[in-house]
N, C-alpha and C. Protein backbone atom coordinates (compact mmCIF):
# COMPACT_ATOMS: atom_id res chain seq x y z
N UNK A 1 -9.81 -1.00 -10.42
CA UNK A 1 -8.51 -1.59 -9.99
C UNK A 1 -8.22 -2.66 -10.61
N UNK A 2 -7.18 -3.09 -11.26
CA UNK A 2 -6.66 -4.19 -11.95
C UNK A 2 -6.62 -5.36 -10.76
N UNK A 3 -7.29 -6.65 -11.21
CA UNK A 3 -7.59 -7.71 -10.10
C UNK A 3 -6.08 -8.29 -9.88
N UNK A 4 -5.58 -8.32 -8.75
CA UNK A 4 -4.44 -8.75 -8.21
C UNK A 4 -4.37 -10.37 -8.22
N UNK A 5 -3.43 -10.90 -8.62
CA UNK A 5 -3.16 -12.38 -8.42
C UNK A 5 -3.10 -12.89 -6.96
N UNK A 6 -3.74 -13.81 -6.74
CA UNK A 6 -3.88 -14.50 -5.53
C UNK A 6 -2.73 -15.48 -5.18
N UNK A 7 -2.57 -16.31 -6.21
CA UNK A 7 -1.71 -17.33 -5.95
C UNK A 7 -0.52 -17.12 -6.74
N UNK A 8 0.31 -16.07 -6.86
CA UNK A 8 1.36 -16.06 -7.60
C UNK A 8 2.51 -16.10 -6.74
N UNK A 9 2.91 -17.39 -6.65
CA UNK A 9 4.07 -17.79 -5.51
C UNK A 9 5.30 -17.80 -5.99
N UNK A 10 5.62 -17.50 -7.24
CA UNK A 10 6.99 -17.62 -8.07
C UNK A 10 8.03 -16.82 -7.14
N UNK A 11 9.03 -17.71 -6.80
CA UNK A 11 10.28 -17.08 -6.27
C UNK A 11 10.18 -16.87 -4.80
N UNK A 12 9.09 -17.44 -4.09
CA UNK A 12 9.06 -17.34 -2.56
C UNK A 12 9.86 -18.40 -1.91
N UNK A 13 10.00 -19.49 -2.75
CA UNK A 13 11.09 -20.48 -2.00
C UNK A 13 11.77 -21.28 -3.36
N UNK A 14 13.03 -21.68 -2.88
CA UNK A 14 13.73 -22.25 -4.09
C UNK A 14 13.98 -23.75 -3.83
N UNK A 15 14.24 -24.64 -4.68
CA UNK A 15 14.43 -25.97 -4.58
C UNK A 15 15.35 -26.20 -3.56
N UNK A 16 16.50 -25.63 -3.35
CA UNK A 16 17.61 -25.85 -2.50
C UNK A 16 17.17 -25.26 -0.99
N UNK A 17 16.04 -24.49 -0.84
CA UNK A 17 15.59 -23.95 0.61
C UNK A 17 15.45 -25.32 1.72
N UNK A 18 15.73 -25.16 2.91
CA UNK A 18 15.14 -26.08 3.87
C UNK A 18 13.83 -26.31 3.69
N UNK A 19 13.08 -27.47 4.16
CA UNK A 19 11.83 -27.59 4.31
C UNK A 19 10.95 -26.43 4.97
N UNK A 20 11.81 -25.92 6.11
CA UNK A 20 10.98 -24.86 6.97
C UNK A 20 10.71 -23.71 6.26
N UNK A 21 11.70 -23.33 5.40
CA UNK A 21 11.54 -22.05 4.51
C UNK A 21 10.36 -22.33 3.30
N UNK A 22 10.38 -23.41 2.79
CA UNK A 22 9.45 -23.91 1.86
C UNK A 22 8.07 -23.56 2.62
N UNK A 23 7.87 -24.17 3.73
CA UNK A 23 6.55 -24.36 4.50
C UNK A 23 6.33 -22.88 4.76
N UNK A 24 7.11 -21.88 5.16
CA UNK A 24 6.88 -20.52 5.64
C UNK A 24 6.46 -19.80 4.29
N UNK A 25 7.04 -20.18 3.29
CA UNK A 25 6.73 -19.35 2.05
C UNK A 25 5.24 -19.72 1.62
N UNK A 26 4.81 -21.08 1.80
CA UNK A 26 3.31 -21.40 1.45
C UNK A 26 2.48 -20.88 2.27
N UNK A 27 2.82 -20.44 3.48
CA UNK A 27 2.04 -19.88 4.53
C UNK A 27 1.72 -18.24 4.03
N UNK A 28 2.65 -17.76 3.24
CA UNK A 28 2.55 -16.33 2.94
C UNK A 28 1.82 -16.10 1.61
N UNK A 29 1.74 -17.26 0.81
CA UNK A 29 0.86 -17.17 -0.59
C UNK A 29 -0.40 -16.49 -0.23
N UNK A 30 -1.30 -17.03 0.58
CA UNK A 30 -2.66 -16.38 0.66
C UNK A 30 -2.68 -14.74 1.01
N UNK A 31 -1.66 -14.37 1.66
CA UNK A 31 -1.49 -12.88 1.98
C UNK A 31 -0.89 -12.07 1.04
N UNK A 32 -0.38 -12.61 -0.02
CA UNK A 32 0.28 -11.79 -1.12
C UNK A 32 -0.65 -10.87 -1.77
N UNK A 33 -1.81 -11.23 -2.11
CA UNK A 33 -2.64 -10.36 -2.83
C UNK A 33 -2.92 -9.23 -2.25
N UNK A 34 -3.26 -9.22 -0.80
CA UNK A 34 -3.52 -8.15 0.19
C UNK A 34 -2.38 -7.39 0.39
N UNK A 35 -1.19 -7.89 0.54
CA UNK A 35 -0.16 -6.92 0.65
C UNK A 35 0.21 -6.04 -0.71
N UNK A 36 0.04 -6.80 -1.87
CA UNK A 36 0.14 -6.13 -3.00
C UNK A 36 -1.02 -4.90 -3.30
N UNK A 37 -2.11 -5.21 -3.05
CA UNK A 37 -3.06 -4.19 -2.96
C UNK A 37 -2.96 -3.21 -2.12
N UNK A 38 -2.45 -3.48 -0.94
CA UNK A 38 -1.99 -2.40 0.20
C UNK A 38 -1.03 -1.53 -0.38
N UNK A 39 0.15 -2.02 -1.11
CA UNK A 39 1.34 -1.31 -1.74
C UNK A 39 0.49 -0.23 -2.58
N UNK A 40 -0.27 -0.84 -3.52
CA UNK A 40 -0.88 0.04 -4.71
C UNK A 40 -1.88 1.10 -3.93
N UNK A 41 -2.64 0.80 -3.15
CA UNK A 41 -3.34 1.59 -2.27
C UNK A 41 -2.84 2.67 -1.66
N UNK A 42 -1.66 2.48 -1.10
CA UNK A 42 -0.70 3.47 -0.29
C UNK A 42 -0.15 4.33 -1.38
N UNK A 43 0.05 3.81 -2.46
CA UNK A 43 1.10 4.37 -3.56
C UNK A 43 -0.12 5.50 -4.24
N UNK A 44 -1.29 5.32 -4.35
CA UNK A 44 -2.30 5.98 -5.02
C UNK A 44 -2.51 7.06 -4.06
N UNK A 45 -2.77 6.70 -2.75
CA UNK A 45 -2.97 7.48 -1.56
C UNK A 45 -2.14 8.70 -1.55
N UNK A 46 -0.76 8.32 -1.80
CA UNK A 46 0.33 9.36 -1.95
C UNK A 46 0.11 10.43 -2.92
N UNK A 47 -0.42 10.06 -3.97
CA UNK A 47 -0.68 10.95 -5.08
C UNK A 47 0.36 11.42 -5.80
N UNK A 48 1.68 10.78 -5.85
CA UNK A 48 2.89 11.18 -6.30
C UNK A 48 3.79 9.82 -6.40
N UNK A 49 4.73 9.94 -7.36
CA UNK A 49 5.83 8.79 -7.48
C UNK A 49 6.51 8.67 -5.82
N UNK A 50 6.58 7.40 -5.57
CA UNK A 50 7.48 7.39 -4.21
C UNK A 50 8.10 6.09 -4.01
N UNK A 51 9.17 6.12 -3.18
CA UNK A 51 9.90 4.92 -2.95
C UNK A 51 9.14 3.74 -2.11
N UNK A 52 9.68 2.75 -1.99
CA UNK A 52 8.98 1.72 -1.59
C UNK A 52 8.74 1.88 -0.08
N UNK A 53 9.80 2.55 0.48
CA UNK A 53 9.79 2.90 2.08
C UNK A 53 8.75 3.90 2.28
N UNK A 54 8.69 5.08 1.36
CA UNK A 54 7.63 5.87 1.42
C UNK A 54 6.38 5.49 1.52
N UNK A 55 6.27 4.50 0.39
CA UNK A 55 4.83 3.94 0.13
C UNK A 55 4.38 2.97 1.48
N UNK A 56 5.29 2.20 2.08
CA UNK A 56 5.05 1.30 3.10
C UNK A 56 4.68 2.05 4.56
N UNK A 57 5.28 3.45 4.56
CA UNK A 57 4.97 4.11 5.69
C UNK A 57 3.66 4.61 5.92
N UNK A 58 2.92 4.49 4.78
CA UNK A 58 1.38 4.64 4.94
C UNK A 58 0.53 3.77 5.64
N UNK A 59 1.05 2.42 5.47
CA UNK A 59 0.49 1.33 5.95
C UNK A 59 0.52 1.07 7.28
N UNK A 60 -0.28 0.19 7.78
CA UNK A 60 -0.35 -0.30 9.26
C UNK A 60 0.97 -0.63 9.60
N UNK A 61 1.53 -0.06 10.80
CA UNK A 61 2.94 -0.57 11.31
C UNK A 61 3.22 -2.07 11.43
N UNK A 62 2.16 -2.83 11.64
CA UNK A 62 2.31 -4.38 11.80
C UNK A 62 2.76 -4.96 10.38
N UNK A 63 2.39 -4.55 9.09
CA UNK A 63 2.72 -5.03 7.80
C UNK A 63 3.54 -4.20 7.02
N UNK A 64 4.07 -3.08 7.56
CA UNK A 64 4.92 -2.19 6.58
C UNK A 64 6.04 -2.75 5.97
N UNK A 65 6.53 -3.61 6.56
CA UNK A 65 7.94 -4.41 6.06
C UNK A 65 7.50 -5.25 4.87
N UNK A 66 6.35 -6.04 5.16
CA UNK A 66 5.60 -6.92 4.15
C UNK A 66 5.23 -6.21 2.85
N UNK A 67 4.62 -5.14 3.22
CA UNK A 67 4.04 -4.18 1.99
C UNK A 67 5.31 -3.71 1.31
N UNK A 68 6.26 -3.21 1.86
CA UNK A 68 7.48 -2.48 1.13
C UNK A 68 8.01 -3.72 0.47
N UNK A 69 8.13 -5.00 0.71
CA UNK A 69 8.77 -5.99 -0.07
C UNK A 69 7.88 -6.43 -1.25
N UNK A 70 6.73 -5.91 -1.30
CA UNK A 70 5.85 -6.16 -2.68
C UNK A 70 6.04 -5.42 -3.86
N UNK A 71 6.82 -4.41 -3.74
CA UNK A 71 7.26 -3.33 -4.66
C UNK A 71 7.47 -3.86 -5.99
N UNK A 72 8.50 -4.85 -6.02
CA UNK A 72 9.24 -5.29 -7.21
C UNK A 72 8.14 -6.25 -7.83
N UNK A 73 7.30 -6.98 -7.03
CA UNK A 73 6.17 -7.84 -7.33
C UNK A 73 5.00 -6.98 -8.33
N UNK A 74 4.87 -5.91 -7.63
CA UNK A 74 3.92 -5.24 -8.28
C UNK A 74 4.44 -4.55 -9.63
N UNK A 75 5.62 -4.25 -9.76
CA UNK A 75 6.13 -3.99 -10.99
C UNK A 75 5.90 -4.95 -12.09
N UNK A 76 6.58 -6.34 -11.65
CA UNK A 76 6.54 -7.45 -12.48
C UNK A 76 5.20 -7.95 -12.92
N UNK A 77 4.17 -7.52 -12.21
CA UNK A 77 2.63 -8.06 -12.28
C UNK A 77 2.08 -6.85 -13.14
N UNK A 78 2.77 -5.77 -13.21
CA UNK A 78 2.12 -4.60 -14.28
C UNK A 78 1.20 -3.73 -13.29
N UNK A 79 1.10 -3.78 -11.98
CA UNK A 79 0.27 -2.96 -11.48
C UNK A 79 0.71 -1.54 -10.93
N UNK A 80 2.18 -1.44 -11.00
CA UNK A 80 2.82 -0.18 -10.86
C UNK A 80 4.16 -0.08 -11.79
N UNK A 81 4.79 0.96 -11.91
CA UNK A 81 5.79 1.06 -12.93
C UNK A 81 7.01 1.70 -12.09
N UNK A 82 8.19 1.29 -12.43
CA UNK A 82 9.42 2.13 -11.93
C UNK A 82 9.26 3.46 -12.48
N UNK A 83 9.62 4.57 -11.62
CA UNK A 83 9.58 5.83 -12.16
C UNK A 83 10.77 6.58 -11.93
N UNK A 84 12.00 6.26 -12.13
CA UNK A 84 13.32 6.71 -11.87
C UNK A 84 13.75 6.50 -10.51
N UNK A 85 14.71 7.59 -9.82
CA UNK A 85 15.11 7.28 -8.70
C UNK A 85 15.03 8.75 -7.99
N UNK A 86 15.01 8.75 -6.60
CA UNK A 86 15.27 10.06 -5.87
C UNK A 86 15.80 9.78 -4.42
N UNK A 87 16.11 10.60 -3.73
CA UNK A 87 16.35 10.78 -2.24
C UNK A 87 15.10 10.19 -1.57
N UNK A 88 15.20 9.00 -0.92
CA UNK A 88 13.95 8.57 -0.19
C UNK A 88 13.94 9.53 1.12
N UNK A 89 12.83 9.83 1.42
CA UNK A 89 12.39 10.75 2.67
C UNK A 89 12.45 9.92 3.72
N UNK A 90 12.49 8.58 3.81
CA UNK A 90 12.57 7.84 4.80
C UNK A 90 13.83 7.43 5.40
N UNK A 91 14.67 7.08 4.26
CA UNK A 91 16.05 6.59 4.49
C UNK A 91 17.20 7.36 4.10
N UNK A 92 16.92 8.46 3.55
CA UNK A 92 17.93 9.43 3.05
C UNK A 92 18.69 8.79 1.86
N UNK A 93 18.54 7.88 1.64
CA UNK A 93 19.38 6.99 0.57
C UNK A 93 18.58 7.17 -0.99
N UNK A 94 19.24 7.24 -1.91
CA UNK A 94 18.65 7.22 -3.47
C UNK A 94 18.01 5.82 -3.55
N UNK A 95 16.98 5.89 -3.92
CA UNK A 95 16.05 4.65 -4.24
C UNK A 95 15.25 4.71 -5.41
N UNK A 96 14.77 3.47 -5.86
CA UNK A 96 13.76 3.68 -7.03
C UNK A 96 12.69 4.10 -6.53
N UNK A 97 11.95 5.02 -7.69
CA UNK A 97 10.32 5.52 -7.09
C UNK A 97 9.50 4.50 -7.94
N UNK A 98 8.25 4.47 -7.34
CA UNK A 98 7.22 3.83 -8.17
C UNK A 98 6.00 4.50 -8.37
N UNK A 99 5.20 4.38 -9.22
CA UNK A 99 3.97 5.09 -9.68
C UNK A 99 3.01 4.27 -10.44
N UNK A 100 1.89 4.59 -10.45
CA UNK A 100 0.74 3.73 -10.95
C UNK A 100 0.72 3.75 -12.48
């Protein structure tokens, strides 16, 4: 598996965000690598293109929302690719699919 970036904190907080938001963003930075790895692991485990909601459904319930939010970061970093759209099995709405 490709080495995931541990401290890629771009776009976590904006210059105009209040100090509390900036502090919260910095607390998230060390967890990002694990959440991205979990997104890739769950997608690989599914064995097919899937929406972010479908992928995150395979993660531990306590971190599903955080895992789901890593989809675009995983694309930007080249770990997964967007793979068209489909009707999401979780939401019933049309959504972007991701694949390794």
